[in-house]
Amino acid sequence: MASPRFCDTCRRAYRRGGSCGWPRRLHRPRRSPSGSSGCRGRPAHNPSAGGPGRRPSRHPKRSPRPHSNRPPGTPLRAVHGVDRRAPIHRLDSVENTVTRIFHSASTVRGYLAQRSTRQYRLQLGVVFLLGLISVLALANLLFGAVTLSAERVWFATVGQGDSAIGDPVAEEIIWNLRLPRLLVGALIGVHFAIAGSLLQAVLRNPLADSGVIGINAGAGLAAVLAFAVAERLAGDANPYLRAALSLDWLPLIACGGGIVAAAVVYRLSWNGGSTPVRLVLMGIAVAGLLSALTTGILAGWAQASTETALAWLSGSLYGRDWAHLSTLLPWTIAGLFLLPLLLRGANLLQLGDEVAATRGLRVERSRFALLLVAVLFAASAVGIVGPVGFVGLIVAHIARLMVGPDIKHQLIVSPLLGALLVLAADLIGRLVLVPAELPIGVVTSLLGVPFFLALLARRR
C-alpha cells in the first residue's frame, strides 16, 4: 500500500509518529478525497458522529453547502464576516477617512497654536527684558558716587562738545566712566550667559558653569602670574608702571589662561572619547589644583600686589573704559558668528550621545566645537573683569523656564538675562557702600548661593 502524499510539515510529523497539528489547511499540497483526512493520526470530519474531525471551511469554494441555495440579493461575505459589497461598509470607510482627516487637521491646528503660543511668549519675554535693561541702563547712568539728574545726563549725551548746553563734569562722568562701564558690563553678562547655556546643554548638567571646567581658575592663575611678572620687570620703584604693565596685557593673558585650563581638562578627560561626567569631574579637580596654586602665589607676595590681585579676582567693573570694550568686542563678534552653525548639535547632544549619533551627528566633533565656543565666551569675559560666579548658572535656568529646552530659544533670552543680571549687580554694588563699591562678583555670589541651594533642594 502506497504511503499518502504529505507536505513537508506532515511528513516530519508522520516520521515522529504524530500529526502536523490542528488546524491544517494551508500547507496541504492538494485536496484529499472526500471522506478522508489527508493525514494519518486524525479521523475525517463527521458532523453526525460528533467526532473531532476537521472543521469545514468557511470559504465559499470549500463550503459543503452550494451557493445556489443563497437567496437572491444576499451579499457574499468574506472569511472575517464583513460584507465587502454592502454600501454601508463603504459609507463607514468614507466616514472613518473623513474623521481621520479632521483629527489630523485638529492635531495640526493644535501644534500650530502651541507653536504660536511659544513664539508669542518668546517675543513678549524679549520685549519685557529689553524694557528692564533700558531702565537699568538709565539708572546706571544716573546713580553712583555722584548722582546726576536726568536733565544733566540728557544734555551731556546730546550736547557733547557744545559749550552752550553742555556740562563738562557730566560729560566726563558719562562718556569716560559710566557709559563704557555700562557697555562692558552688558557684554560681560552676554558672554557668561551664552557660555552657561552651552555648557549645560553639552555637559547635560544643570549645575554646569564656566567654573566647572576650570576656566575661572585658569584665568585667575594666569592673571596672578601676570601681576608677579610685572612686579619683577618694573620693580618696586615704580608701582604705577607695574600696574599699567599688568593691566594692559591682563585681558589677553587671563583669556589665554582660561583656554589652556579648559584644553587641559578636555585632554585629561579623553579616553577614546569624552563624556560629560568625565569632563565635569576632571574640571572640578583641575579647578581645585589651579585655585590652590593661585592662593600659594598670593601668600608670598607683598601687601600692595596682593590687594591689586585680589581686587581683580573678586570680579569688578571698576575702571573699565573704551579700551576694554574694544578688546572684548572682537571676541563677541567671533563667537556670535560661529554660534548659529552649532545649534543643531547642541540640541541633539541634550538627548544623549547615542541618540545624537543615530541622527547623524558627529558627537565628539560637535562637543569639541561647542566647548570651544563656550570657552571663548567665558575666558574673554573673565579676562576683562575677572571671575564672576553664578551668572551662567542662574541665567541658563531662568531661560529654560521661560522658553523651554530648545537651545535656539534659550540663546535669544539668556544674553538679555545675563546683561540684566550684571547691570543689576553693578548698580547694587555701587549704591550699597557709597562712595565705596562692592565688586559684581561678590553681589552675584550673594544672589547665586541661595539660588544654587534651592536648585539642589529641588533636585533632591
Protein backbone atom coordinates (compact mmCIF):
# COMPACT_ATOMS: atom_id res chain seq x y z
CA MET A 1 0.00 0.00 0.00
CA ALA A 2 1.46 3.33 -1.06
CA SER A 3 2.01 5.92 1.63
CA PRO A 4 -0.17 9.02 1.37
CA ARG A 5 1.17 12.29 -0.01
CA PHE A 6 2.19 14.72 2.70
CA CYS A 7 3.51 18.23 2.81
CA ASP A 8 6.87 18.79 4.49
CA THR A 9 5.32 19.54 7.89
CA CYS A 10 3.10 16.47 7.79
CA ARG A 11 5.96 14.29 6.61
CA ARG A 12 8.17 15.30 9.53
CA ALA A 13 5.29 14.78 11.97
CA TYR A 14 4.48 11.39 10.40
CA ARG A 15 8.05 10.18 10.83
CA ARG A 16 7.90 11.12 14.51
CA GLY A 17 4.68 9.16 14.88
CA GLY A 18 2.30 12.12 15.26
CA SER A 19 0.39 14.57 13.17
CA CYS A 20 1.15 18.05 11.94
CA GLY A 21 -1.13 19.97 14.29
CA TRP A 22 -4.58 21.50 14.27
CA PRO A 23 -5.94 23.04 12.13
CA ARG A 24 -4.16 22.02 8.97
CA ARG A 25 -5.35 23.99 5.96
CA LEU A 26 -2.74 25.95 4.06
CA HIS A 27 0.26 23.65 3.81
CA ARG A 28 -1.56 20.62 2.33
CA PRO A 29 -0.33 20.08 -1.25
CA ARG A 30 -3.72 19.13 -2.63
CA ARG A 31 -7.22 18.31 -1.52
CA SER A 32 -7.76 14.86 -0.11
CA PRO A 33 -10.53 12.65 -1.45
CA SER A 34 -13.92 13.24 0.04
CA GLY A 35 -14.27 11.48 3.36
CA SER A 36 -10.55 11.16 4.15
CA SER A 37 -8.48 13.26 6.46
CA GLY A 38 -5.35 13.54 4.27
CA CYS A 39 -3.06 12.83 7.19
CA ARG A 40 -2.64 9.81 9.40
CA GLY A 41 -3.48 10.24 13.02
CA ARG A 42 -6.69 12.27 12.65
CA PRO A 43 -10.11 10.98 11.53
CA ALA A 44 -12.19 12.72 8.93
CA HIS A 45 -14.80 15.22 9.97
CA ASN A 46 -18.18 13.61 10.58
CA PRO A 47 -20.74 16.08 11.91
CA SER A 48 -23.33 13.40 12.51
CA ALA A 49 -20.91 11.36 14.59
CA GLY A 50 -19.78 14.38 16.57
CA GLY A 51 -16.14 13.47 16.06
CA PRO A 52 -13.19 15.82 16.47
CA GLY A 53 -12.56 15.88 12.75
CA ARG A 54 -11.58 18.83 10.64
CA ARG A 55 -13.87 21.83 10.67
CA PRO A 56 -15.50 22.76 7.40
CA SER A 57 -14.01 25.70 5.55
CA ARG A 58 -15.89 28.96 5.53
CA HIS A 59 -14.50 29.86 2.15
CA PRO A 60 -17.28 29.81 -0.47
CA LYS A 61 -15.48 27.38 -2.77
CA ARG A 62 -14.84 24.93 0.07
CA SER A 63 -18.21 25.17 1.77
CA PRO A 64 -20.24 21.92 1.60
CA ARG A 65 -23.38 23.98 1.10
CA PRO A 66 -23.89 25.01 -2.50
CA HIS A 67 -24.18 28.73 -3.20
CA SER A 68 -27.25 28.05 -5.31
CA ASN A 69 -29.23 27.90 -2.08
CA ARG A 70 -28.25 31.52 -1.27
CA PRO A 71 -31.28 33.79 -1.66
CA PRO A 72 -31.02 36.35 -4.46
CA GLY A 73 -29.60 39.66 -3.38
CA THR A 74 -27.87 38.20 -0.32
CA PRO A 75 -24.33 39.64 -0.22
CA LEU A 76 -21.36 37.32 -0.24
CA ARG A 77 -19.42 37.63 3.00
CA ALA A 78 -15.69 37.28 3.39
CA VAL A 79 -13.91 35.00 5.83
CA HIS A 80 -13.85 37.61 8.60
CA GLY A 81 -17.60 38.10 8.30
CA VAL A 82 -17.61 41.70 6.99
CA ASP A 83 -19.68 42.39 3.93
CA ARG A 84 -17.32 43.93 1.39
CA ARG A 85 -20.05 44.68 -1.13
CA ALA A 86 -22.52 46.31 1.23
CA PRO A 87 -22.95 50.07 0.70
CA ILE A 88 -22.97 50.69 4.46
CA HIS A 89 -19.37 49.42 4.65
CA ARG A 90 -18.25 51.89 2.02
CA LEU A 91 -20.02 54.67 3.89
CA ASP A 92 -18.26 53.62 7.08
CA SER A 93 -14.92 53.78 5.27
CA VAL A 94 -15.66 57.26 3.97
CA GLU A 95 -16.81 58.35 7.41
CA ASN A 96 -13.67 56.93 9.06
CA THR A 97 -11.48 58.61 6.46
CA VAL A 98 -13.17 61.96 6.99
CA THR A 99 -12.85 61.51 10.75
CA ARG A 100 -9.13 60.81 10.44
CA ILE A 101 -8.68 63.86 8.23
CA PHE A 102 -10.47 66.11 10.71
CA HIS A 103 -8.48 64.57 13.58
CA SER A 104 -5.22 65.21 11.74
CA ALA A 105 -6.33 68.75 10.96
CA SER A 106 -7.17 69.36 14.61
CA THR A 107 -3.78 67.96 15.63
CA VAL A 108 -2.02 70.26 13.17
CA ARG A 109 -4.07 73.21 14.38
CA GLY A 110 -3.18 72.34 17.96
CA TYR A 111 0.51 72.12 17.11
CA LEU A 112 0.42 75.43 15.26
CA ALA A 113 -1.45 77.00 18.16
CA GLN A 114 1.16 75.75 20.65
CA ARG A 115 3.94 76.94 18.37
CA SER A 116 2.37 80.37 18.00
CA THR A 117 1.92 80.49 21.78
CA ARG A 118 5.61 79.70 22.32
CA GLN A 119 6.62 82.33 19.79
CA TYR A 120 4.31 84.86 21.44
CA ARG A 121 5.78 84.10 24.86
CA LEU A 122 9.29 84.42 23.42
CA GLN A 123 8.54 87.77 21.80
CA LEU A 124 6.81 89.04 24.92
CA GLY A 125 9.75 87.95 27.06
CA VAL A 126 12.26 89.67 24.77
CA VAL A 127 10.30 92.94 24.83
CA PHE A 128 9.95 92.76 28.62
CA LEU A 129 13.68 92.10 29.13
CA LEU A 130 14.66 94.90 26.76
CA GLY A 131 12.48 97.27 28.77
CA LEU A 132 14.12 96.21 32.04
CA ILE A 133 17.59 96.58 30.53
CA SER A 134 16.73 100.10 29.37
CA VAL A 135 15.56 101.06 32.86
CA LEU A 136 18.70 99.62 34.47
CA ALA A 137 20.94 101.31 31.91
CA LEU A 138 19.39 104.67 32.71
CA ALA A 139 19.77 104.00 36.44
CA ASN A 140 23.44 103.13 35.97
CA LEU A 141 23.99 106.44 34.19
CA LEU A 142 22.18 108.43 36.87
CA PHE A 143 23.35 106.93 40.16
CA GLY A 144 26.78 106.33 41.62
CA ALA A 145 29.27 108.15 43.80
CA VAL A 146 27.98 111.33 42.13
CA THR A 147 24.25 111.37 41.41
CA LEU A 148 23.27 113.12 38.20
CA SER A 149 19.86 114.41 37.27
CA ALA A 150 18.11 113.22 34.14
CA GLU A 151 18.46 116.70 32.64
CA ARG A 152 22.23 116.74 33.10
CA VAL A 153 22.52 113.26 31.61
CA TRP A 154 20.42 114.34 28.61
CA PHE A 155 22.47 117.47 27.96
CA ALA A 156 25.73 115.55 28.47
CA THR A 157 24.60 112.97 25.93
CA VAL A 158 23.04 115.24 23.31
CA GLY A 159 25.12 118.36 23.72
CA GLN A 160 28.57 116.82 23.94
CA GLY A 161 31.16 119.40 22.94
CA ASP A 162 28.63 122.24 22.86
CA SER A 163 29.65 124.88 25.36
CA ALA A 164 26.18 126.45 25.33
CA ILE A 165 24.21 123.47 26.63
CA GLY A 166 26.95 121.03 27.55
CA ASP A 167 28.07 120.13 31.06
CA PRO A 168 31.81 119.29 31.17
CA VAL A 169 31.60 117.47 34.50
CA ALA A 170 28.60 115.40 33.46
CA GLU A 171 30.19 114.69 30.08
CA GLU A 172 33.34 113.43 31.76
CA ILE A 173 31.36 111.17 34.09
CA ILE A 174 29.04 109.84 31.40
CA TRP A 175 31.37 109.37 28.43
CA ASN A 176 34.58 108.34 30.16
CA LEU A 177 33.35 106.46 33.23
CA ARG A 178 29.76 105.24 33.27
CA LEU A 179 28.88 104.60 29.62
CA PRO A 180 31.90 102.37 28.81
CA ARG A 181 31.40 100.61 32.14
CA LEU A 182 27.74 100.07 31.24
CA LEU A 183 28.54 98.61 27.82
CA VAL A 184 31.32 96.39 29.16
CA GLY A 185 29.01 95.07 31.88
CA ALA A 186 26.27 94.28 29.36
CA LEU A 187 28.71 92.40 27.11
CA ILE A 188 30.14 90.54 30.09
CA GLY A 189 26.65 89.36 31.01
CA VAL A 190 26.05 88.24 27.42
CA HIS A 191 29.30 86.24 27.41
CA PHE A 192 28.69 84.47 30.71
CA ALA A 193 25.07 83.71 29.82
CA ILE A 194 25.90 82.14 26.45
CA ALA A 195 28.74 80.14 27.97
CA GLY A 196 26.49 78.84 30.77
CA SER A 197 23.70 77.80 28.40
CA LEU A 198 26.11 76.00 26.07
CA LEU A 199 27.92 74.21 28.88
CA GLN A 200 24.70 72.99 30.48
CA ALA A 201 23.47 71.71 27.11
CA VAL A 202 26.73 69.99 26.12
CA LEU A 203 27.51 68.52 29.54
CA ARG A 204 23.85 67.69 30.23
CA ASN A 205 24.38 69.03 33.74
CA PRO A 206 22.07 71.74 35.13
CA LEU A 207 24.80 72.79 37.58
CA ALA A 208 27.43 73.46 34.90
CA ASP A 209 29.09 76.86 34.70
CA SER A 210 32.32 78.38 33.46
CA GLY A 211 33.96 77.41 36.74
CA VAL A 212 33.13 73.73 36.32
CA ILE A 213 35.66 73.02 33.57
CA GLY A 214 38.40 75.19 35.06
CA ILE A 215 38.00 78.40 33.02
CA ASN A 216 37.75 80.74 36.01
CA ALA A 217 40.60 79.07 37.89
CA GLY A 218 42.88 79.06 34.84
CA ALA A 219 42.21 82.72 34.10
CA GLY A 220 42.79 83.63 37.75
CA LEU A 221 46.13 81.83 37.88
CA ALA A 222 47.25 83.48 34.65
CA ALA A 223 46.29 86.91 35.99
CA VAL A 224 48.18 86.39 39.24
CA LEU A 225 51.24 85.27 37.28
CA ALA A 226 50.90 88.40 35.12
CA PHE A 227 50.96 90.58 38.24
CA ALA A 228 54.01 88.71 39.53
CA VAL A 229 55.92 89.06 36.25
CA ALA A 230 55.03 92.77 36.03
CA GLU A 231 56.34 93.28 39.55
CA ARG A 232 59.62 91.61 38.69
CA LEU A 233 60.04 93.60 35.48
CA ALA A 234 59.07 97.03 36.83
CA GLY A 235 60.49 96.61 40.31
CA ASP A 236 59.31 98.33 43.46
CA ALA A 237 60.43 101.80 42.41
CA ASN A 238 57.51 102.50 40.09
CA PRO A 239 54.24 100.90 41.26
CA TYR A 240 52.17 102.80 38.68
CA LEU A 241 54.26 101.39 35.84
CA ARG A 242 53.87 97.93 37.35
CA ALA A 243 50.08 98.28 37.49
CA ALA A 244 49.88 99.66 33.94
CA LEU A 245 52.13 96.92 32.58
CA SER A 246 49.99 94.21 34.13
CA LEU A 247 46.58 95.72 33.29
CA ASP A 248 47.40 96.40 29.64
CA TRP A 249 48.08 92.74 28.92
CA LEU A 250 45.83 91.28 31.59
CA PRO A 251 42.73 90.60 29.41
CA LEU A 252 44.65 88.62 26.81
CA ILE A 253 46.74 86.78 29.40
CA ALA A 254 43.73 85.79 31.51
CA CYS A 255 41.81 84.71 28.42
CA GLY A 256 44.73 82.55 27.36
CA GLY A 257 44.90 81.01 30.84
CA GLY A 258 41.22 80.08 30.73
CA ILE A 259 41.58 78.48 27.28
CA VAL A 260 44.65 76.50 28.36
CA ALA A 261 42.89 75.25 31.51
CA ALA A 262 39.86 74.11 29.51
CA ALA A 263 42.14 72.37 26.99
CA VAL A 264 43.91 70.52 29.82
CA VAL A 265 40.56 69.41 31.25
CA TYR A 266 39.41 68.14 27.86
CA ARG A 267 42.66 66.28 27.26
CA LEU A 268 42.69 64.62 30.67
CA SER A 269 39.07 63.51 30.28
CA TRP A 270 39.77 61.92 26.89
CA ASN A 271 39.78 58.15 26.97
CA GLY A 272 38.89 57.11 23.44
CA GLY A 273 36.22 59.80 23.69
CA SER A 274 34.95 62.35 26.16
CA THR A 275 31.82 62.02 28.26
CA PRO A 276 30.01 64.74 30.21
CA VAL A 277 30.66 63.00 33.53
CA ARG A 278 34.42 62.75 32.95
CA LEU A 279 34.57 66.37 31.80
CA VAL A 280 32.83 67.62 34.93
CA LEU A 281 34.87 65.51 37.35
CA MET A 282 38.17 66.37 35.70
CA GLY A 283 37.19 70.05 35.53
CA ILE A 284 36.49 70.16 39.26
CA ALA A 285 39.84 68.50 40.00
CA VAL A 286 41.83 70.85 37.73
CA ALA A 287 39.99 73.91 39.07
CA GLY A 288 40.84 72.93 42.65
CA LEU A 289 44.51 72.49 41.76
CA LEU A 290 44.74 75.84 39.95
CA SER A 291 42.96 77.65 42.78
CA ALA A 292 45.45 76.20 45.28
CA LEU A 293 48.36 77.42 43.14
CA THR A 294 46.80 80.89 42.94
CA THR A 295 46.41 81.04 46.72
CA GLY A 296 50.00 79.91 47.20
CA ILE A 297 51.34 82.63 44.91
CA LEU A 298 49.27 85.31 46.65
CA ALA A 299 50.55 84.19 50.05
CA GLY A 300 54.16 85.00 49.11
CA TRP A 301 53.51 88.49 47.80
CA ALA A 302 53.80 91.98 49.19
CA GLN A 303 50.70 93.66 50.59
CA ALA A 304 50.10 96.12 47.70
CA SER A 305 50.39 93.50 44.99
CA THR A 306 48.12 91.17 46.90
CA GLU A 307 45.43 93.84 47.16
CA THR A 308 45.59 94.55 43.42
CA ALA A 309 45.33 90.89 42.53
CA LEU A 310 42.50 90.25 44.98
CA ALA A 311 40.57 93.22 43.60
CA TRP A 312 40.76 91.67 40.14
CA LEU A 313 39.99 88.15 41.36
CA SER A 314 36.78 89.34 43.01
CA GLY A 315 35.36 90.35 39.62
CA SER A 316 34.84 94.08 39.25
CA LEU A 317 33.86 96.62 36.58
CA TYR A 318 35.80 99.38 38.31
CA GLY A 319 37.97 101.37 35.90
CA ARG A 320 36.71 99.64 32.74
CA ASP A 321 36.89 102.00 29.78
CA TRP A 322 36.65 102.07 25.99
CA ALA A 323 39.91 100.14 25.63
CA HIS A 324 38.45 97.18 27.49
CA LEU A 325 35.34 97.37 25.32
CA SER A 326 37.41 97.33 22.14
CA THR A 327 39.34 94.33 23.48
CA LEU A 328 36.16 92.39 24.27
CA LEU A 329 34.14 93.24 21.16
CA PRO A 330 36.09 91.07 18.63
CA TRP A 331 35.55 88.01 20.83
CA THR A 332 31.83 88.76 20.90
CA ILE A 333 31.59 89.09 17.12
CA ALA A 334 33.59 85.90 16.51
CA GLY A 335 31.51 83.88 18.97
CA LEU A 336 28.20 85.13 17.58
CA PHE A 337 29.37 84.27 14.06
CA LEU A 338 30.24 80.67 14.99
CA LEU A 339 27.29 80.03 17.27
CA PRO A 340 24.45 79.57 14.68
CA LEU A 341 26.46 76.86 12.91
CA LEU A 342 26.47 74.63 16.01
CA LEU A 343 22.97 74.95 17.45
CA ARG A 344 21.63 71.74 15.89
CA GLY A 345 24.42 69.76 17.53
CA ALA A 346 23.69 71.37 20.90
CA ASN A 347 20.03 70.34 20.74
CA LEU A 348 20.90 66.77 19.76
CA LEU A 349 23.55 66.41 22.46
CA GLN A 350 20.91 67.14 25.09
CA LEU A 351 19.19 63.89 24.05
CA GLY A 352 22.30 61.77 24.70
CA ASP A 353 25.29 60.63 22.70
CA GLU A 354 23.57 57.52 21.31
CA VAL A 355 20.52 59.39 20.06
CA ALA A 356 22.69 62.13 18.57
CA ALA A 357 24.83 59.55 16.76
CA THR A 358 21.75 57.84 15.31
CA ARG A 359 20.61 61.21 13.96
CA GLY A 360 23.85 61.51 12.00
CA LEU A 361 25.71 63.87 14.34
CA ARG A 362 29.45 63.51 14.84
CA VAL A 363 29.30 63.61 18.59
CA GLU A 364 32.93 64.25 19.53
CA ARG A 365 33.47 66.89 16.86
CA SER A 366 30.27 68.71 17.76
CA ARG A 367 31.00 68.56 21.50
CA PHE A 368 34.53 69.89 20.97
CA ALA A 369 33.31 72.77 18.79
CA LEU A 370 30.60 73.76 21.27
CA LEU A 371 33.01 73.59 24.19
CA LEU A 372 35.48 75.73 22.24
CA VAL A 373 32.86 78.43 21.62
CA ALA A 374 31.77 78.33 25.28
CA VAL A 375 35.39 78.62 26.42
CA LEU A 376 35.98 81.60 24.11
CA PHE A 377 32.96 83.43 25.52
CA ALA A 378 33.75 82.67 29.16
CA ALA A 379 37.52 83.16 29.01
CA SER A 380 37.28 86.51 27.23
CA ALA A 381 34.79 87.75 29.85
CA VAL A 382 36.96 86.56 32.74
CA GLY A 383 39.96 88.24 31.14
CA ILE A 384 38.22 91.62 31.21
CA VAL A 385 36.53 91.72 34.63
CA GLY A 386 37.85 88.68 36.47
CA PRO A 387 35.97 85.56 37.54
CA VAL A 388 32.29 86.31 38.16
CA GLY A 389 30.43 83.32 39.52
CA PHE A 390 26.84 82.09 39.19
CA VAL A 391 25.88 84.29 36.22
CA GLY A 392 25.76 81.45 33.71
CA LEU A 393 24.16 79.09 36.23
CA ILE A 394 21.30 81.42 37.18
CA VAL A 395 20.64 82.77 33.69
CA ALA A 396 20.56 79.37 31.99
CA HIS A 397 17.92 78.06 34.40
CA ILE A 398 15.71 81.13 34.10
CA ALA A 399 15.94 81.00 30.29
CA ARG A 400 14.99 77.31 30.31
CA LEU A 401 11.96 78.05 32.47
CA MET A 402 10.89 80.84 30.14
CA VAL A 403 11.26 79.25 26.68
CA GLY A 404 11.81 75.53 27.21
CA PRO A 405 14.74 73.22 26.41
CA ASP A 406 15.35 74.41 22.84
CA ILE A 407 18.83 75.92 22.83
CA LYS A 408 17.91 78.23 19.93
CA HIS A 409 15.27 79.95 22.02
CA GLN A 410 17.46 79.92 25.12
CA LEU A 411 20.23 81.77 23.31
CA ILE A 412 17.78 84.54 22.44
CA VAL A 413 16.66 85.09 26.03
CA SER A 414 19.77 84.18 28.04
CA PRO A 415 22.03 87.01 26.71
CA LEU A 416 19.38 89.54 27.71
CA LEU A 417 19.05 87.93 31.13
CA GLY A 418 22.84 87.93 31.55
CA ALA A 419 23.13 91.62 30.71
CA LEU A 420 20.23 92.38 33.06
CA LEU A 421 21.80 90.44 35.94
CA VAL A 422 25.26 92.01 35.59
CA LEU A 423 23.87 95.55 35.30
CA ALA A 424 21.69 94.98 38.36
CA ALA A 425 24.64 93.58 40.33
CA ASP A 426 26.83 96.55 39.34
CA LEU A 427 24.16 99.04 40.35
CA ILE A 428 23.64 97.33 43.72
CA GLY A 429 27.39 97.22 44.32
CA ARG A 430 27.75 100.94 43.68
CA LEU A 431 24.82 102.00 45.85
CA VAL A 432 25.32 99.82 48.93
CA LEU A 433 28.62 101.31 50.18
CA VAL A 434 28.71 104.78 48.61
CA PRO A 435 31.32 106.07 47.83
CA ALA A 436 32.99 102.66 48.01
CA GLU A 437 31.96 99.80 45.73
CA LEU A 438 31.23 96.12 46.03
CA PRO A 439 32.60 94.01 43.17
CA ILE A 440 29.97 92.43 40.96
CA GLY A 441 31.43 89.01 41.74
CA VAL A 442 30.50 89.46 45.40
CA VAL A 443 26.95 90.56 44.55
CA THR A 444 26.35 87.71 42.11
CA SER A 445 27.66 85.25 44.68
CA LEU A 446 25.26 86.63 47.29
CA LEU A 447 22.43 86.17 44.80
CA GLY A 448 23.64 82.87 43.37
CA VAL A 449 24.30 80.86 46.53
CA PRO A 450 20.63 80.82 47.68
CA PHE A 451 19.58 80.02 44.12
CA PHE A 452 22.09 77.18 43.98
CA LEU A 453 20.91 75.74 47.30
CA ALA A 454 17.27 75.96 46.22
CA LEU A 455 18.13 74.18 42.99
CA LEU A 456 19.87 71.38 44.87
CA ALA A 457 16.92 71.01 47.24
CA ARG A 458 14.52 70.83 44.30
CA ARG A 459 16.57 68.17 42.54
CA ARG A 460 16.77 66.13 45.76
